[in-house]
């Protein structure tokens, strides 16, 4: 049997990191076992589902590289089929109409809770023969006896007595089908073999298994992934920072770094921390997923992202960095090669936003010199050292690293001072105080014209301060 998994988000918001991890686990499982990965949009909540949310989900999947083999399928396109299944259940006597009022159901709930009973529908309408002409919902006739047992691929064997389950609604009074019905029909029709989803669905699984069995359908395997917690131990939410996948893109994370971090949230392979996508596919299996919730740690994500920035192909990093430079109003084509800038700077940043910020000086003059650096370096005879080195730099035939290095060294020798007396004010003059690599490489990338202009500005600043 060909393995087939699916990711089935509801388009009521952005693609959040919890959903992205579920999608990743499903995608990896399918890829490892030579199977197919399906994307299904569960948009039966007509009031809350939006096209903007659909677009956000598709955009997030594309950015992460989680390509799907089938879909996207939309549940709102399948209402006629859901109704056919409901009609079949009615014909078999496995579903019935219910016209209980909200007031009756609320009173029933209050009485059960007062008696310390689990709130559940009492089957009041199961044999009343409610007319189809009056307002009603359709309920599934859940078995009264026995139990439901399934072997969760993560949590092990789970058993629930049917007496704990009530007759769930499968069609609302407005005629729209409910989640528990549509998900069963879709997973059956699409041939899903492993249902990998969040553990908030565990309570739904026994109900859904009973629906499978009522229709005489094969029951897929289930794997319920534990939730993700914030660093305060509560369920991950907006207050913990970025939870939207695309927000991580905006904040300068590489998609492969976020995938690497997400796969390690609840899954491990020895002590290995960094995984290529191919390694994830080769090594991932559900049996190694932890049953306990995982805690989201932004510091760890930043560390992983930094490793990817340092180790990835510089051209790839440059492509991802380019829009972040644009966000700063910088056109990377109007300055040094962005790939060379990445190679020079990438060990100094943990996100692309940081990398863009510390690399801006290569492309445009800064507004002011760093005050602390000025106080420490722009003093004494720093202006004379800058004037001397500027004269040698301006006379260079070729603006190349070796020539720049020699000009600085010759200035040091001529002045008879320590290297730092020339190099430190020169670095601040050209960078403004931003983190930078070797001085000759820094000046080479900044360029002759900008370097000399900034040195003149630094000399004027020192002299103005002295005056």
Protein backbone atom coordinates (compact mmCIF):
# COMPACT_ATOMS: atom_id res chain seq x y z
CA UNK A 1 0.00 0.00 0.00
CA UNK A 2 1.34 3.44 -0.97
CA UNK A 3 1.79 5.75 2.01
CA UNK A 4 -0.31 8.88 1.74
CA UNK A 5 -0.35 11.67 4.32
CA UNK A 6 -2.03 15.04 4.36
CA UNK A 7 -1.95 18.50 5.85
CA UNK A 8 -5.43 19.91 6.35
CA UNK A 9 -5.42 23.45 7.78
CA UNK A 10 -8.47 25.63 8.33
CA UNK A 11 -8.14 28.98 6.53
CA UNK A 12 -9.10 31.13 9.47
CA UNK A 13 -5.70 32.77 9.93
CA UNK A 14 -2.05 32.54 8.95
CA UNK A 15 0.04 29.36 8.83
CA UNK A 16 1.43 29.18 12.37
CA UNK A 17 4.51 27.29 13.49
CA UNK A 18 2.48 24.50 15.11
CA UNK A 19 0.69 23.84 11.84
CA UNK A 20 3.95 24.12 9.93
CA UNK A 21 5.55 21.46 12.15
CA UNK A 22 2.57 19.14 11.61
CA UNK A 23 2.85 19.73 7.85
CA UNK A 24 6.59 19.05 8.02
CA UNK A 25 6.15 15.77 9.91
CA UNK A 26 3.49 14.63 7.43
CA UNK A 27 5.63 15.68 4.47
CA UNK A 28 8.74 13.96 5.81
CA UNK A 29 6.86 10.75 6.55
CA UNK A 30 5.49 10.62 3.01
CA UNK A 31 8.85 11.42 1.44
CA UNK A 32 10.74 8.85 3.50
CA UNK A 33 8.33 6.06 2.63
CA UNK A 34 8.04 6.88 -1.07
CA UNK A 35 4.49 8.13 -0.60
CA UNK A 36 2.32 11.10 -1.51
CA UNK A 37 1.59 14.28 0.42
CA UNK A 38 -1.82 15.94 0.06
CA UNK A 39 -2.83 19.52 0.88
CA UNK A 40 -6.48 19.97 1.83
CA UNK A 41 -8.10 23.25 2.84
CA UNK A 42 -10.79 22.62 5.45
CA UNK A 43 -12.94 25.67 4.81
CA UNK A 44 -16.35 24.49 6.03
CA UNK A 45 -16.41 27.26 8.66
CA UNK A 46 -17.98 29.67 6.21
CA UNK A 47 -18.04 32.62 8.60
CA UNK A 48 -14.35 32.53 9.54
CA UNK A 49 -12.69 31.12 6.41
CA UNK A 50 -11.13 33.72 4.11
CA UNK A 51 -9.26 33.73 0.82
CA UNK A 52 -6.54 35.81 2.47
CA UNK A 53 -5.94 32.97 4.93
CA UNK A 54 -5.85 30.44 2.09
CA UNK A 55 -3.23 32.59 0.36
CA UNK A 56 -1.21 32.86 3.59
CA UNK A 57 -1.21 29.06 3.98
CA UNK A 58 -0.14 28.48 0.37
CA UNK A 59 2.54 31.17 0.65
CA UNK A 60 3.91 29.64 3.85
CA UNK A 61 4.03 26.15 2.36
CA UNK A 62 5.83 27.44 -0.72
CA UNK A 63 8.38 29.41 1.31
CA UNK A 64 9.18 26.36 3.46
CA UNK A 65 9.54 24.18 0.37
CA UNK A 66 6.83 21.72 1.47
CA UNK A 67 5.60 20.88 -1.99
CA UNK A 68 2.44 18.77 -2.18
CA UNK A 69 1.70 16.00 -4.67
CA UNK A 70 -2.07 16.47 -4.69
CA UNK A 71 -4.28 19.46 -4.01
CA UNK A 72 -5.05 21.90 -2.73
CA UNK A 73 -8.51 20.40 -2.30
CA UNK A 74 -11.28 22.55 -0.83
CA UNK A 75 -14.02 21.08 1.33
CA UNK A 76 -16.53 23.70 0.19
CA UNK A 77 -16.31 22.12 -3.27
CA UNK A 78 -17.46 18.77 -1.88
CA UNK A 79 -20.68 19.61 0.00
CA UNK A 80 -22.84 17.52 -2.34
CA UNK A 81 -20.74 14.45 -1.62
CA UNK A 82 -20.84 14.99 2.13
CA UNK A 83 -24.62 15.16 1.95
CA UNK A 84 -24.67 11.88 0.03
CA UNK A 85 -22.74 10.23 2.87
CA UNK A 86 -25.08 11.74 5.45
CA UNK A 87 -28.07 10.46 3.49
CA UNK A 88 -26.51 6.99 3.47
CA UNK A 89 -26.09 7.11 7.25
CA UNK A 90 -29.73 8.18 7.59
CA UNK A 91 -30.89 5.33 5.37
CA UNK A 92 -28.92 2.87 7.50
CA UNK A 93 -30.47 4.22 10.67
CA UNK A 94 -27.04 5.40 11.81
CA UNK A 95 -27.98 9.08 11.93
CA UNK A 96 -31.08 11.02 12.95
CA UNK A 97 -32.59 14.50 13.02
CA UNK A 98 -32.51 16.52 16.23
CA UNK A 99 -34.42 19.70 16.97
CA UNK A 100 -33.35 20.23 20.59
CA UNK A 101 -33.24 23.93 21.43
CA UNK A 102 -30.16 25.69 22.71
CA UNK A 103 -32.01 26.24 25.98
CA UNK A 104 -32.66 22.51 26.44
CA UNK A 105 -29.07 21.60 25.63
CA UNK A 106 -27.70 24.23 28.01
CA UNK A 107 -30.01 23.05 30.81
CA UNK A 108 -28.95 19.44 30.19
CA UNK A 109 -25.30 20.48 30.38
CA UNK A 110 -25.80 22.35 33.66
CA UNK A 111 -27.62 19.39 35.23
CA UNK A 112 -24.90 16.95 34.19
CA UNK A 113 -22.12 19.16 35.50
CA UNK A 114 -24.00 19.67 38.78
CA UNK A 115 -24.19 15.87 39.07
CA UNK A 116 -20.45 15.68 38.29
CA UNK A 117 -21.16 13.87 35.04
CA UNK A 118 -19.34 14.38 31.76
CA UNK A 119 -21.51 16.71 29.62
CA UNK A 120 -22.88 14.83 26.61
CA UNK A 121 -26.00 14.71 24.49
CA UNK A 122 -28.60 12.37 25.99
CA UNK A 123 -30.07 10.99 22.74
CA UNK A 124 -33.39 12.75 23.35
CA UNK A 125 -34.28 12.89 19.63
CA UNK A 126 -32.82 9.59 18.49
CA UNK A 127 -36.21 7.88 18.06
CA UNK A 128 -38.58 10.86 17.81
CA UNK A 129 -38.79 10.94 14.00
CA UNK A 130 -38.27 14.67 13.60
CA UNK A 131 -39.75 16.05 10.37
CA UNK A 132 -37.27 17.21 7.71
CA UNK A 133 -39.47 20.29 7.23
CA UNK A 134 -38.67 21.81 10.60
CA UNK A 135 -35.30 23.27 11.67
CA UNK A 136 -32.94 20.52 12.78
CA UNK A 137 -29.42 19.19 12.86
CA UNK A 138 -28.30 15.67 11.92
CA UNK A 139 -26.59 13.60 14.60
CA UNK A 140 -24.56 10.43 14.19
CA UNK A 141 -25.94 7.53 16.21
CA UNK A 142 -22.85 6.54 18.18
CA UNK A 143 -22.73 2.93 19.48
CA UNK A 144 -23.97 2.66 23.06
CA UNK A 145 -21.79 -0.26 24.08
CA UNK A 146 -18.25 -1.45 23.60
CA UNK A 147 -15.12 0.61 23.19
CA UNK A 148 -12.86 2.14 20.58
CA UNK A 149 -9.19 1.13 20.60
CA UNK A 150 -6.47 2.42 18.30
CA UNK A 151 -2.69 2.28 18.32
CA UNK A 152 -1.43 5.82 18.03
CA UNK A 153 1.91 5.89 16.19
CA UNK A 154 3.27 8.34 18.77
CA UNK A 155 1.31 7.75 21.97
CA UNK A 156 0.71 4.02 21.80
CA UNK A 157 -2.57 2.25 22.51
CA UNK A 158 -5.58 4.41 23.40
CA UNK A 159 -8.95 3.00 24.45
CA UNK A 160 -12.17 4.96 24.94
CA UNK A 161 -15.53 3.52 26.00
CA UNK A 162 -18.41 4.32 23.66
CA UNK A 163 -20.40 5.32 26.73
CA UNK A 164 -18.04 8.32 26.97
CA UNK A 165 -18.98 9.51 23.49
CA UNK A 166 -22.18 11.27 22.53
CA UNK A 167 -24.12 11.51 19.30
CA UNK A 168 -22.13 14.19 17.57
CA UNK A 169 -23.64 16.61 15.08
CA UNK A 170 -22.60 15.84 11.49
CA UNK A 171 -24.73 18.47 9.74
CA UNK A 172 -25.65 21.87 11.13
CA UNK A 173 -29.09 23.45 10.96
CA UNK A 174 -27.90 25.62 8.03
CA UNK A 175 -27.15 22.46 6.05
CA UNK A 176 -23.36 22.65 6.28
CA UNK A 177 -21.45 19.50 7.29
CA UNK A 178 -19.25 19.50 10.39
CA UNK A 179 -15.56 18.80 10.79
CA UNK A 180 -15.85 15.28 12.16
CA UNK A 181 -17.91 14.16 9.16
CA UNK A 182 -15.97 15.93 6.43
CA UNK A 183 -12.54 14.85 7.65
CA UNK A 184 -13.57 11.19 7.67
CA UNK A 185 -15.08 11.38 4.19
CA UNK A 186 -12.08 13.23 2.78
CA UNK A 187 -9.44 10.99 4.34
CA UNK A 188 -11.29 7.95 3.00
CA UNK A 189 -11.83 9.35 -0.49
CA UNK A 190 -8.25 10.60 -0.77
CA UNK A 191 -6.77 7.31 0.42
CA UNK A 192 -4.99 8.75 3.44
CA UNK A 193 -3.07 5.98 5.20
CA UNK A 194 -1.55 7.94 8.10
CA UNK A 195 -3.36 10.85 9.74
CA UNK A 196 -0.69 13.00 11.39
CA UNK A 197 -2.15 15.92 13.33
CA UNK A 198 -2.04 17.84 16.60
CA UNK A 199 -2.93 16.13 19.86
CA UNK A 200 -5.87 18.49 20.31
CA UNK A 201 -7.68 16.08 17.97
CA UNK A 202 -7.25 13.00 20.16
CA UNK A 203 -10.78 13.33 21.53
CA UNK A 204 -12.16 13.41 17.99
CA UNK A 205 -10.42 10.24 16.88
CA UNK A 206 -12.70 7.64 18.58
CA UNK A 207 -15.76 9.43 17.18
CA UNK A 208 -14.24 9.45 13.72
CA UNK A 209 -13.29 5.78 13.93
CA UNK A 210 -16.92 4.97 14.66
CA UNK A 211 -17.92 6.92 11.56
CA UNK A 212 -15.40 4.98 9.45
CA UNK A 213 -16.79 1.72 10.74
CA UNK A 214 -20.40 2.82 10.25
CA UNK A 215 -19.62 3.38 6.56
CA UNK A 216 -17.66 0.14 6.28
CA UNK A 217 -14.45 1.95 5.43
CA UNK A 218 -10.85 1.08 6.32
CA UNK A 219 -9.55 3.08 9.28
CA UNK A 220 -6.21 4.89 8.73
CA UNK A 221 -3.41 4.92 11.26
CA UNK A 222 -3.29 7.94 13.57
CA UNK A 223 -0.36 9.90 15.00
CA UNK A 224 -1.06 12.78 17.36
CA UNK A 225 1.77 15.29 17.65
CA UNK A 226 2.18 17.00 21.07
CA UNK A 227 1.58 20.72 21.29
CA UNK A 228 4.25 23.42 21.29
CA UNK A 229 4.61 25.49 24.46
CA UNK A 230 6.01 28.96 24.97
CA UNK A 231 8.95 29.45 27.29
CA UNK A 232 6.51 30.17 30.15
CA UNK A 233 4.96 26.70 29.84
CA UNK A 234 1.67 27.83 28.28
CA UNK A 235 0.50 26.97 24.78
CA UNK A 236 2.46 28.91 22.15
CA UNK A 237 0.60 32.07 21.18
CA UNK A 238 1.11 35.57 19.80
CA UNK A 239 2.35 36.87 23.14
CA UNK A 240 5.43 34.66 22.82
CA UNK A 241 6.53 36.51 19.68
CA UNK A 242 6.36 35.41 16.07
CA UNK A 243 4.10 32.44 15.47
CA UNK A 244 3.23 33.06 11.81
CA UNK A 245 5.55 31.29 9.40
CA UNK A 246 5.76 34.32 7.13
CA UNK A 247 6.60 36.54 10.08
CA UNK A 248 9.74 34.45 10.52
CA UNK A 249 10.57 35.19 6.91
CA UNK A 250 10.11 38.91 7.57
CA UNK A 251 12.33 38.67 10.65
CA UNK A 252 15.18 37.22 8.63
CA UNK A 253 15.10 33.47 9.16
CA UNK A 254 16.10 31.08 6.40
CA UNK A 255 13.32 28.60 5.50
CA UNK A 256 15.65 25.62 5.86
CA UNK A 257 16.75 26.86 9.29
CA UNK A 258 13.14 27.10 10.46
CA UNK A 259 12.46 23.59 9.11
CA UNK A 260 15.54 22.32 10.96
CA UNK A 261 14.33 23.92 14.17
CA UNK A 262 10.77 22.64 13.80
CA UNK A 263 11.84 19.06 13.11
CA UNK A 264 13.82 19.11 16.36
CA UNK A 265 10.76 20.28 18.33
CA UNK A 266 9.76 16.89 19.66
CA UNK A 267 11.93 14.68 17.43
CA UNK A 268 15.58 13.79 17.76
CA UNK A 269 18.29 11.66 16.22
CA UNK A 270 20.98 11.20 18.82
CA UNK A 271 22.69 14.48 19.66
CA UNK A 272 22.62 15.80 16.10
CA UNK A 273 21.32 19.37 15.89
CA UNK A 274 21.69 20.36 12.24
CA UNK A 275 20.01 18.42 9.45
CA UNK A 276 19.82 18.99 5.72
CA UNK A 277 16.39 18.35 4.22
CA UNK A 278 17.73 15.12 2.69
CA UNK A 279 18.91 13.99 6.12
CA UNK A 280 15.52 14.79 7.63
CA UNK A 281 13.84 12.63 4.99
CA UNK A 282 16.30 9.79 5.51
CA UNK A 283 16.12 9.76 9.31
CA UNK A 284 12.64 10.94 10.31
CA UNK A 285 10.14 8.49 11.75
CA UNK A 286 7.14 8.91 13.99
CA UNK A 287 8.36 6.40 16.57
CA UNK A 288 11.09 8.87 17.58
CA UNK A 289 8.64 11.73 18.22
CA UNK A 290 8.44 12.60 21.90
CA UNK A 291 5.05 12.21 23.61
CA UNK A 292 5.60 15.27 25.80
CA UNK A 293 5.00 18.85 24.65
CA UNK A 294 7.97 20.78 23.28
CA UNK A 295 9.03 24.25 24.36
CA UNK A 296 9.76 26.86 21.74
CA UNK A 297 13.14 28.49 22.35
CA UNK A 298 13.91 31.54 20.22
CA UNK A 299 17.56 31.56 21.29
CA UNK A 300 17.98 28.04 19.90
CA UNK A 301 16.25 29.04 16.66
CA UNK A 302 18.60 32.01 16.36
CA UNK A 303 21.61 29.74 16.87
CA UNK A 304 20.43 27.34 14.17
CA UNK A 305 19.69 30.22 11.81
CA UNK A 306 23.16 31.61 12.40
CA UNK A 307 24.73 28.26 11.50
CA UNK A 308 22.79 28.22 8.23
CA UNK A 309 23.81 31.80 7.40
CA UNK A 310 27.45 30.86 8.07
CA UNK A 311 27.47 27.53 6.24
CA UNK A 312 25.00 27.90 3.34
CA UNK A 313 26.02 28.81 -0.20
CA UNK A 314 26.74 32.58 -0.05
CA UNK A 315 24.81 33.08 -3.29
CA UNK A 316 21.75 31.48 -1.70
CA UNK A 317 22.05 33.68 1.39
CA UNK A 318 22.49 36.73 -0.84
CA UNK A 319 19.27 35.96 -2.71
CA UNK A 320 17.38 35.77 0.59
CA UNK A 321 19.16 38.84 1.95
CA UNK A 322 18.39 41.06 -1.03
CA UNK A 323 14.77 41.94 -0.07
CA UNK A 324 15.91 42.81 3.45
CA UNK A 325 18.38 45.25 1.95
CA UNK A 326 15.49 46.64 -0.07
CA UNK A 327 13.54 47.13 3.15
CA UNK A 328 16.34 49.50 4.21
CA UNK A 329 16.00 51.45 0.98
CA UNK A 330 19.15 49.91 -0.47
CA UNK A 331 19.50 48.64 -4.04
CA UNK A 332 22.20 45.93 -3.77
CA UNK A 333 23.11 46.44 -7.43
CA UNK A 334 24.36 49.94 -6.57
CA UNK A 335 27.40 48.88 -4.59
CA UNK A 336 29.63 45.88 -3.95
CA UNK A 337 28.64 42.37 -4.98
CA UNK A 338 26.11 41.22 -2.35
CA UNK A 339 27.61 37.71 -2.39
CA UNK A 340 30.99 39.17 -1.36
CA UNK A 341 29.31 41.19 1.39
CA UNK A 342 27.62 38.01 2.67
CA UNK A 343 30.97 36.22 2.73
CA UNK A 344 32.49 39.10 4.67
CA UNK A 345 29.73 39.62 7.20
CA UNK A 346 27.79 36.41 7.71
CA UNK A 347 29.56 35.23 10.87
CA UNK A 348 28.41 38.39 12.64
CA UNK A 349 24.62 37.97 12.36
CA UNK A 350 22.02 35.47 13.50
CA UNK A 351 19.24 36.71 11.18
CA UNK A 352 19.08 38.24 7.72
CA UNK A 353 17.60 41.40 9.25
CA UNK A 354 20.72 41.74 11.40
CA UNK A 355 22.93 40.93 8.43
CA UNK A 356 21.25 43.65 6.38
CA UNK A 357 21.58 46.19 9.20
CA UNK A 358 25.30 45.61 9.75
CA UNK A 359 25.96 45.59 6.00
CA UNK A 360 24.15 48.82 5.11
CA UNK A 361 27.34 50.89 5.41
CA UNK A 362 28.79 49.15 2.36
CA UNK A 363 26.09 50.75 0.22
CA UNK A 364 25.39 54.14 1.78
CA UNK A 365 26.93 56.63 4.14
CA UNK A 366 25.79 56.42 7.75
CA UNK A 367 24.16 59.33 9.54
CA UNK A 368 26.63 59.51 12.41
CA UNK A 369 29.64 57.80 13.89
CA UNK A 370 29.05 55.53 16.87
CA UNK A 371 29.38 57.89 19.90
CA UNK A 372 31.21 55.37 22.09
CA UNK A 373 33.65 54.54 19.32
CA UNK A 374 34.25 58.23 18.66
CA UNK A 375 35.02 58.93 22.29
CA UNK A 376 37.41 56.00 22.44
CA UNK A 377 39.16 56.35 19.08
CA UNK A 378 38.66 59.85 17.65
CA UNK A 379 41.17 61.58 19.93
CA UNK A 380 44.77 62.68 20.09
CA UNK A 381 46.40 62.70 16.67
CA UNK A 382 43.80 60.43 15.05
CA UNK A 383 42.99 63.10 12.45
CA UNK A 384 46.63 63.25 11.37
CA UNK A 385 46.79 59.48 11.06
CA UNK A 386 43.63 59.53 8.94
CA UNK A 387 44.97 62.31 6.73
CA UNK A 388 48.19 60.36 6.15
CA UNK A 389 46.49 57.11 5.27
CA UNK A 390 43.95 58.92 3.10
CA UNK A 391 46.78 60.43 1.03
CA UNK A 392 48.28 56.98 0.36
CA UNK A 393 44.90 55.39 -0.39
CA UNK A 394 44.00 58.15 -2.84
CA UNK A 395 47.25 57.55 -4.73
CA UNK A 396 46.63 53.84 -5.32
CA UNK A 397 46.56 52.80 -8.98
CA UNK A 398 44.20 49.88 -8.26
CA UNK A 399 41.65 49.56 -5.48
CA UNK A 400 42.56 46.04 -4.43
CA UNK A 401 42.90 44.37 -1.05
CA UNK A 402 46.65 43.83 -1.21
CA UNK A 403 47.30 47.41 -2.28
CA UNK A 404 45.01 48.77 0.44
CA UNK A 405 46.75 46.62 3.06
CA UNK A 406 50.15 47.88 1.93
CA UNK A 407 49.01 51.51 2.03
CA UNK A 408 47.84 51.14 5.64
CA UNK A 409 51.06 49.38 6.67
CA UNK A 410 53.21 52.01 4.97
CA UNK A 411 51.32 54.73 6.83
CA UNK A 412 51.92 52.97 10.15
CA UNK A 413 55.63 52.63 9.39
CA UNK A 414 55.95 56.22 8.25
CA UNK A 415 54.28 57.59 11.37
CA UNK A 416 56.23 55.28 13.65
CA UNK A 417 53.13 54.32 15.65
CA UNK A 418 51.37 51.11 16.56
CA UNK A 419 49.07 49.57 13.95
CA UNK A 420 45.98 50.34 16.04
CA UNK A 421 46.71 54.08 16.00
CA UNK A 422 45.94 54.08 12.28
CA UNK A 423 43.67 51.08 11.86
CA UNK A 424 41.18 51.83 14.63
CA UNK A 425 40.26 55.38 13.57
CA UNK A 426 40.28 54.24 9.92
CA UNK A 427 37.81 51.45 10.65
CA UNK A 428 35.44 53.77 12.52
CA UNK A 429 35.79 56.40 9.80
CA UNK A 430 34.74 53.97 7.06
CA UNK A 431 32.13 51.86 8.92
CA UNK A 432 30.75 54.30 11.46
CA UNK A 433 31.28 51.62 14.08
CA UNK A 434 29.38 48.76 12.44
CA UNK A 435 30.78 45.21 12.80
CA UNK A 436 33.17 44.54 9.91
CA UNK A 437 35.79 42.05 8.68
CA UNK A 438 39.50 42.63 7.92
CA UNK A 439 40.17 46.30 7.33
CA UNK A 440 41.55 45.91 3.81
CA UNK A 441 38.50 43.84 2.81
CA UNK A 442 36.18 46.40 4.40
CA UNK A 443 37.69 49.30 2.46
CA UNK A 444 37.78 47.25 -0.75
CA UNK A 445 34.06 46.53 -0.52
CA UNK A 446 33.10 50.08 0.48
CA UNK A 447 35.00 51.39 -2.54
CA UNK A 448 37.57 54.13 -3.14
CA UNK A 449 35.22 57.11 -3.47
CA UNK A 450 33.08 56.34 -0.41
CA UNK A 451 36.09 55.41 1.73
CA UNK A 452 37.92 58.65 1.01
CA UNK A 453 34.76 60.69 1.51
CA UNK A 454 34.11 59.13 4.89
CA UNK A 455 37.71 59.60 5.99
CA UNK A 456 37.44 63.31 5.21
CA UNK A 457 34.22 63.44 7.21
CA UNK A 458 35.91 61.71 10.17
CA UNK A 459 38.82 64.18 10.07
CA UNK A 460 36.37 67.08 10.14
CA UNK A 461 34.47 65.49 13.03
CA UNK A 462 37.64 65.09 15.08
CA UNK A 463 38.74 68.63 14.41
CA UNK A 464 35.29 70.05 15.21
CA UNK A 465 35.32 68.18 18.51
CA UNK A 466 38.77 69.51 19.35
CA UNK A 467 37.70 73.07 18.56
